[in-house]
Amino acid sequence: FAIVDAAMNDLMRPALYDAYHDIVAVESRDGDTRIYEIVGPVCESGDFLGHDRALNLQEGDVLAIKSAGAYGMSMSSNYNTRPRAVEVMVDGAQCHVIRQRETIHSLFALEQPLASN
């Protein structure tokens, strides 16, 4: 298993209908690969992003989940009080942040305290 900081609330398609997204290490390295289940930290049996992926990983590696497109943000949620992830558009060799990561503060910004009597 490779437990990553993304979860089914960030990209629901694999958990919802077993959609395939290519998952790669942003910085590749030489060496042998191992077969991984790519899973998130949400305590749900369906919290997976990819099955049987051959990768050469080390702790702390950054992974790219490809071809998420419009499905990432439009299907994402704040399940388990998880802020939505940053969105990055990759255009050839260029990367552009197109939506900032949510913060815990932004999750609670619209909540109001109960009026005291």
Protein backbone atom coordinates (compact mmCIF):
# COMPACT_ATOMS: atom_id res chain seq x y z
CA PHE A 1 0.00 0.00 0.00
CA ALA A 2 0.98 3.60 -0.61
CA ILE A 3 -1.06 5.91 1.62
CA VAL A 4 -1.19 9.38 0.09
CA ASP A 5 -2.63 12.70 1.27
CA ALA A 6 -5.30 12.70 -1.44
CA ALA A 7 -8.52 10.82 -0.83
CA MET A 8 -11.85 9.82 -2.29
CA ASN A 9 -13.23 13.24 -1.36
CA ASP A 10 -10.65 14.82 -3.72
CA LEU A 11 -11.21 12.48 -6.69
CA MET A 12 -14.36 10.43 -6.33
CA ARG A 13 -14.32 8.68 -9.71
CA PRO A 14 -12.15 5.65 -8.76
CA ALA A 15 -14.22 4.92 -5.64
CA LEU A 16 -17.55 5.69 -7.28
CA TYR A 17 -17.24 3.68 -10.48
CA ASP A 18 -13.74 2.23 -10.61
CA ALA A 19 -12.47 4.88 -13.06
CA TYR A 20 -8.82 4.53 -14.07
CA HIS A 21 -6.41 7.46 -13.74
CA ASP A 22 -2.74 7.07 -14.53
CA ILE A 23 -0.69 7.75 -11.39
CA VAL A 24 2.98 8.67 -11.71
CA ALA A 25 5.76 9.96 -9.49
CA VAL A 26 6.48 13.60 -10.38
CA GLU A 27 10.21 12.89 -10.10
CA SER A 28 11.00 9.50 -11.55
CA ARG A 29 13.97 7.46 -10.39
CA ASP A 30 15.82 4.44 -11.67
CA GLY A 31 15.35 1.12 -9.99
CA ASP A 32 12.88 -1.63 -9.48
CA THR A 33 9.18 -0.98 -9.18
CA ARG A 34 6.74 -2.53 -6.74
CA ILE A 35 3.02 -3.04 -7.09
CA TYR A 36 1.01 -0.63 -4.93
CA GLU A 37 -2.56 -0.01 -3.95
CA ILE A 38 -2.76 3.79 -3.92
CA VAL A 39 -5.10 4.71 -1.07
CA GLY A 40 -6.11 7.78 0.89
CA PRO A 41 -6.30 8.44 4.64
CA VAL A 42 -10.12 8.51 4.87
CA CYS A 43 -11.41 5.62 6.98
CA GLU A 44 -13.59 4.10 4.25
CA SER A 45 -13.06 0.81 2.44
CA GLY A 46 -13.59 2.61 -0.88
CA ASP A 47 -10.88 5.22 -0.30
CA PHE A 48 -8.61 4.22 -3.15
CA LEU A 49 -7.19 6.10 -6.11
CA GLY A 50 -5.58 3.24 -7.99
CA HIS A 51 -5.16 -0.52 -7.85
CA ASP A 52 -2.10 -2.57 -8.82
CA ARG A 53 0.18 0.31 -9.85
CA ALA A 54 3.82 -0.44 -10.65
CA LEU A 55 5.83 2.42 -9.14
CA ASN A 56 9.25 3.09 -7.65
CA LEU A 57 8.32 5.13 -4.58
CA GLN A 58 9.96 6.50 -1.48
CA GLU A 59 8.29 8.20 1.47
CA GLY A 60 7.61 11.84 0.67
CA ASP A 61 7.36 11.40 -3.11
CA VAL A 62 4.88 13.64 -4.92
CA LEU A 63 2.45 11.77 -7.17
CA ALA A 64 0.43 13.10 -10.09
CA ILE A 65 -3.01 11.67 -10.74
CA LYS A 66 -3.46 12.29 -14.43
CA SER A 67 -6.53 13.11 -16.48
CA ALA A 68 -8.66 14.20 -13.55
CA GLY A 69 -9.73 17.27 -15.51
CA ALA A 70 -13.00 18.88 -14.52
CA TYR A 71 -13.99 15.89 -12.43
CA GLY A 72 -11.72 16.74 -9.51
CA MET A 73 -13.31 19.91 -8.18
CA SER A 74 -16.83 19.34 -9.51
CA MET A 75 -17.14 15.98 -7.72
CA SER A 76 -15.03 16.77 -4.65
CA SER A 77 -16.37 17.33 -1.16
CA ASN A 78 -15.28 18.32 2.31
CA TYR A 79 -16.03 14.84 3.67
CA ASN A 80 -14.41 14.24 7.06
CA THR A 81 -13.71 17.99 7.25
CA ARG A 82 -10.99 17.70 4.63
CA PRO A 83 -10.18 20.92 2.75
CA ARG A 84 -10.31 20.57 -1.04
CA ALA A 85 -6.96 20.13 -2.75
CA VAL A 86 -5.09 22.63 -4.86
CA GLU A 87 -5.79 22.32 -8.59
CA VAL A 88 -2.83 22.37 -10.95
CA MET A 89 -3.12 22.54 -14.72
CA VAL A 90 -0.24 20.93 -16.58
CA ASP A 91 0.39 22.39 -20.04
CA GLY A 92 3.37 20.64 -21.58
CA ALA A 93 6.30 21.43 -19.29
CA GLN A 94 4.43 24.27 -17.55
CA CYS A 95 2.39 23.91 -14.37
CA HIS A 96 -0.19 26.49 -13.29
CA VAL A 97 -2.09 26.66 -10.01
CA ILE A 98 -5.68 27.33 -11.12
CA ARG A 99 -7.40 26.97 -7.74
CA GLN A 100 -5.80 27.44 -4.33
CA ARG A 101 -5.99 24.74 -1.67
CA GLU A 102 -8.79 25.30 0.83
CA THR A 103 -7.89 25.88 4.45
CA ILE A 104 -9.56 24.78 7.66
CA HIS A 105 -10.41 28.45 8.20
CA SER A 106 -12.23 28.60 4.85
CA LEU A 107 -14.25 25.50 5.77
CA PHE A 108 -15.67 27.21 8.85
CA ALA A 109 -15.83 30.79 7.49
CA LEU A 110 -19.56 30.67 6.71
CA GLU A 111 -20.62 29.09 10.00
CA GLN A 112 -22.38 31.25 12.57
CA PRO A 113 -22.49 30.80 16.35
CA LEU A 114 -25.88 30.21 17.92
CA ALA A 115 -27.43 33.29 19.43
CA SER A 116 -27.47 33.17 23.22
CA ASN A 117 -30.72 33.90 25.03
